[in-house]
Structures are given as C-alpha cells and as structure tokens.
C-alpha atoms as a PDB file:
ATOM      1  CA  MET A   1       0.000   0.000   0.000  1.00  0.00           C
ATOM      2  CA  ALA A   2       1.295   3.445  -0.909  1.00  0.00           C
ATOM      3  CA  ASN A   3       2.120   5.788   1.933  1.00  0.00           C
ATOM      4  CA  PHE A   4       3.030   8.600  -0.453  1.00  0.00           C
ATOM      5  CA  SER A   5       2.055   9.464  -4.015  1.00  0.00           C
ATOM      6  CA  ALA A   6       2.799  12.446  -6.229  1.00  0.00           C
ATOM      7  CA  MET A   7       1.921  13.287  -9.845  1.00  0.00           C
ATOM      8  CA  VAL A   8       4.440  15.497 -11.646  1.00  0.00           C
ATOM      9  CA  THR A   9       4.370  16.913 -15.169  1.00  0.00           C
ATOM     10  CA  VAL A  10       7.953  16.864 -16.415  1.00  0.00           C
ATOM     11  CA  SER A  11       9.103  19.088 -19.266  1.00  0.00           C
ATOM     12  CA  VAL A  12      12.755  19.859 -18.457  1.00  0.00           C
ATOM     13  CA  THR A  13      15.565  18.177 -20.403  1.00  0.00           C
ATOM     14  CA  SER A  14      18.125  18.311 -17.588  1.00  0.00           C
ATOM     15  CA  TYR A  15      17.767  17.721 -13.877  1.00  0.00           C
ATOM     16  CA  ASN A  16      16.874  20.747 -11.738  1.00  0.00           C
ATOM     17  CA  MET A  17      19.054  21.761  -8.797  1.00  0.00           C
ATOM     18  CA  ALA A  18      16.219  20.893  -6.393  1.00  0.00           C
ATOM     19  CA  PRO A  19      14.498  17.483  -6.549  1.00  0.00           C
ATOM     20  CA  ASP A  20      11.096  17.227  -8.232  1.00  0.00           C
ATOM     21  CA  VAL A  21       9.744  15.025  -5.444  1.00  0.00           C
ATOM     22  CA  VAL A  22      10.754  14.817  -1.784  1.00  0.00           C
ATOM     23  CA  ILE A  23       9.336  11.821   0.079  1.00  0.00           C
ATOM     24  CA  PRO A  24       8.622  12.773   3.717  1.00  0.00           C
ATOM     25  CA  PHE A  25      10.063   9.516   5.122  1.00  0.00           C
ATOM     26  CA  VAL A  26      12.800   7.009   4.279  1.00  0.00           C
ATOM     27  CA  PRO A  27      11.046   4.638   1.865  1.00  0.00           C
ATOM     28  CA  LYS A  28      11.394   0.873   1.591  1.00  0.00           C
ATOM     29  CA  ARG A  29      10.157   1.049  -1.982  1.00  0.00           C
ATOM     30  CA  ILE A  30       9.917   3.744  -4.667  1.00  0.00           C
ATOM     31  CA  ARG A  31       8.020   3.273  -7.938  1.00  0.00           C
ATOM     32  CA  VAL A  32       8.240   5.680 -10.882  1.00  0.00           C
ATOM     33  CA  MET A  33       5.512   5.360 -13.546  1.00  0.00           C
ATOM     34  CA  ASN A  34       5.120   7.088 -16.911  1.00  0.00           C
ATOM     35  CA  MET A  35       1.381   7.805 -16.936  1.00  0.00           C
ATOM     36  CA  ASP A  36       0.795   9.017 -20.494  1.00  0.00           C
ATOM     37  CA  GLY A  37       1.743   8.402 -24.096  1.00  0.00           C
ATOM     38  CA  GLY A  38       4.303  11.193 -24.130  1.00  0.00           C
ATOM     39  CA  ASP A  39       8.048  10.962 -24.297  1.00  0.00           C
ATOM     40  CA  VAL A  40      10.416   8.877 -22.224  1.00  0.00           C
ATOM     41  CA  ALA A  41      10.847  10.054 -18.629  1.00  0.00           C
ATOM     42  CA  TYR A  42      14.183   9.719 -16.860  1.00  0.00           C
ATOM     43  CA  ALA A  43      14.533   9.462 -13.089  1.00  0.00           C
ATOM     44  CA  SER A  44      17.523  10.024 -10.842  1.00  0.00           C
ATOM     45  CA  LEU A  45      18.067   9.468  -7.141  1.00  0.00           C
ATOM     46  CA  ASP A  46      21.048  11.853  -6.979  1.00  0.00           C
ATOM     47  CA  GLY A  47      20.139  14.633  -9.447  1.00  0.00           C
ATOM     48  CA  ARG A  48      23.155  13.915 -11.631  1.00  0.00           C
ATOM     49  CA  GLU A  49      22.958  10.487 -13.253  1.00  0.00           C
ATOM     50  CA  ASP A  50      20.000   8.761 -14.913  1.00  0.00           C
ATOM     51  CA  ALA A  51      18.977   5.817 -12.758  1.00  0.00           C
ATOM     52  CA  VAL A  52      16.271   4.649 -15.150  1.00  0.00           C
ATOM     53  CA  ALA A  53      14.472   5.517 -18.385  1.00  0.00           C
ATOM     54  CA  VAL A  54      10.731   4.930 -18.076  1.00  0.00           C
ATOM     55  CA  LEU A  55       9.148   4.327 -21.486  1.00  0.00           C
ATOM     56  CA  ASN A  56       5.880   5.841 -22.646  1.00  0.00           C
ATOM     57  CA  ASP A  57       3.932   2.635 -23.375  1.00  0.00           C
ATOM     58  CA  VAL A  58       1.793   1.683 -20.364  1.00  0.00           C
ATOM     59  CA  LYS A  59       1.563  -1.879 -21.702  1.00  0.00           C
ATOM     60  CA  SER A  60       5.331  -2.229 -21.554  1.00  0.00           C
ATOM     61  CA  PRO A  61       7.055  -3.506 -18.393  1.00  0.00           C
ATOM     62  CA  SER A  62       9.390  -0.521 -18.842  1.00  0.00           C
ATOM     63  CA  SER A  63       6.536   1.960 -18.293  1.00  0.00           C
ATOM     64  CA  SER A  64       7.395   1.760 -14.601  1.00  0.00           C
ATOM     65  CA  HIS A  65      10.424   1.042 -12.476  1.00  0.00           C
ATOM     66  CA  GLU A  66      10.698   0.108  -8.827  1.00  0.00           C
ATOM     67  CA  TRP A  67      13.568   0.420  -6.372  1.00  0.00           C
ATOM     68  CA  MET A  68      13.485  -1.531  -3.119  1.00  0.00           C
ATOM     69  CA  TRP A  69      15.254  -0.624   0.119  1.00  0.00           C
ATOM     70  CA  GLN A  70      16.348   2.801  -1.070  1.00  0.00           C
ATOM     71  CA  ILE A  71      17.513   5.360   1.435  1.00  0.00           C
ATOM     72  CA  SER A  72      16.945   8.258  -0.956  1.00  0.00           C
ATOM     73  CA  GLN A  73      13.988  10.475  -0.178  1.00  0.00           C
ATOM     74  CA  LYS A  74      14.519  12.604  -3.294  1.00  0.00           C
ATOM     75  CA  VAL A  75      13.655  11.958  -6.932  1.00  0.00           C
ATOM     76  CA  TRP A  76      14.676  14.115  -9.870  1.00  0.00           C
ATOM     77  CA  LEU A  77      12.894  13.841 -13.230  1.00  0.00           C
ATOM     78  CA  ARG A  78      13.652  14.906 -16.802  1.00  0.00           C
ATOM     79  CA  THR A  79      12.633  14.119 -20.374  1.00  0.00           C
ATOM     80  CA  ASP A  80      14.149  14.354 -23.862  1.00  0.00           C
ATOM     81  CA  GLY A  81      11.466  16.857 -24.840  1.00  0.00           C
ATOM     82  CA  GLY A  82       7.752  17.476 -24.589  1.00  0.00           C
ATOM     83  CA  ALA A  83       5.790  17.005 -21.393  1.00  0.00           C
ATOM     84  CA  VAL A  84       5.410  13.718 -19.535  1.00  0.00           C
ATOM     85  CA  LEU A  85       3.090  12.947 -16.621  1.00  0.00           C
ATOM     86  CA  VAL A  86       4.938  10.849 -14.032  1.00  0.00           C
ATOM     87  CA  GLN A  87       3.630   9.291 -10.829  1.00  0.00           C
ATOM     88  CA  ILE A  88       5.947   8.590  -7.889  1.00  0.00           C
ATOM     89  CA  VAL A  89       4.684   6.105  -5.276  1.00  0.00           C
ATOM     90  CA  ALA A  90       6.595   5.286  -2.086  1.00  0.00           C
ATOM     91  CA  GLU A  91       6.055   2.879   0.793  1.00  0.00           C
ATOM     92  CA  ALA A  92       7.401   3.215   4.323  1.00  0.00           C
END
C-alpha cells in the first residue's frame, strides 16, 4: 500500500538543482511510472545520473520502475522533450 504518491508533469531536459519530489520519510520502496503516451521520462536518485528511463507505453514492463530498500527520499525527473506525466509512489 502506498504511503506517499505524487503526480508530476515533467518538461525539463536536464535535472533541476532541487528534486522534483521529496518523500517525507525514508522509503522501503519507490516506484516511478510514466502515466501518459508522451516521451520517455528519466529518473535520478542523486540529481546527476540517470537511474532509469521509463518508457511511454503503459503496456510495456518498462513503463514503470521500482527500487526496493532505497535510502533516498529525493527523486529528480527529466525528459528528452515534450511534457510527460509521471507518478511517484513510495512505501514506508
């Protein structure tokens, strides 16, 4: 069950200085989901390196990615272009 959820529209092509999502607790699990048929969304747990590319096809297993036992409470998001709706779900 999700303890935290956020929907973010991403349109930047490089990571911002500040994270796009800050989870208010240390999560056991973080899931990033590309919620529309837009471009690829990229997620980072450090704001510098891509940790994952989340594709735009909701039928694809790559339309979401899950990390388990992460100590990061911050998620940065970017895209190659256009706007992408991304959902972040975290569990305590």
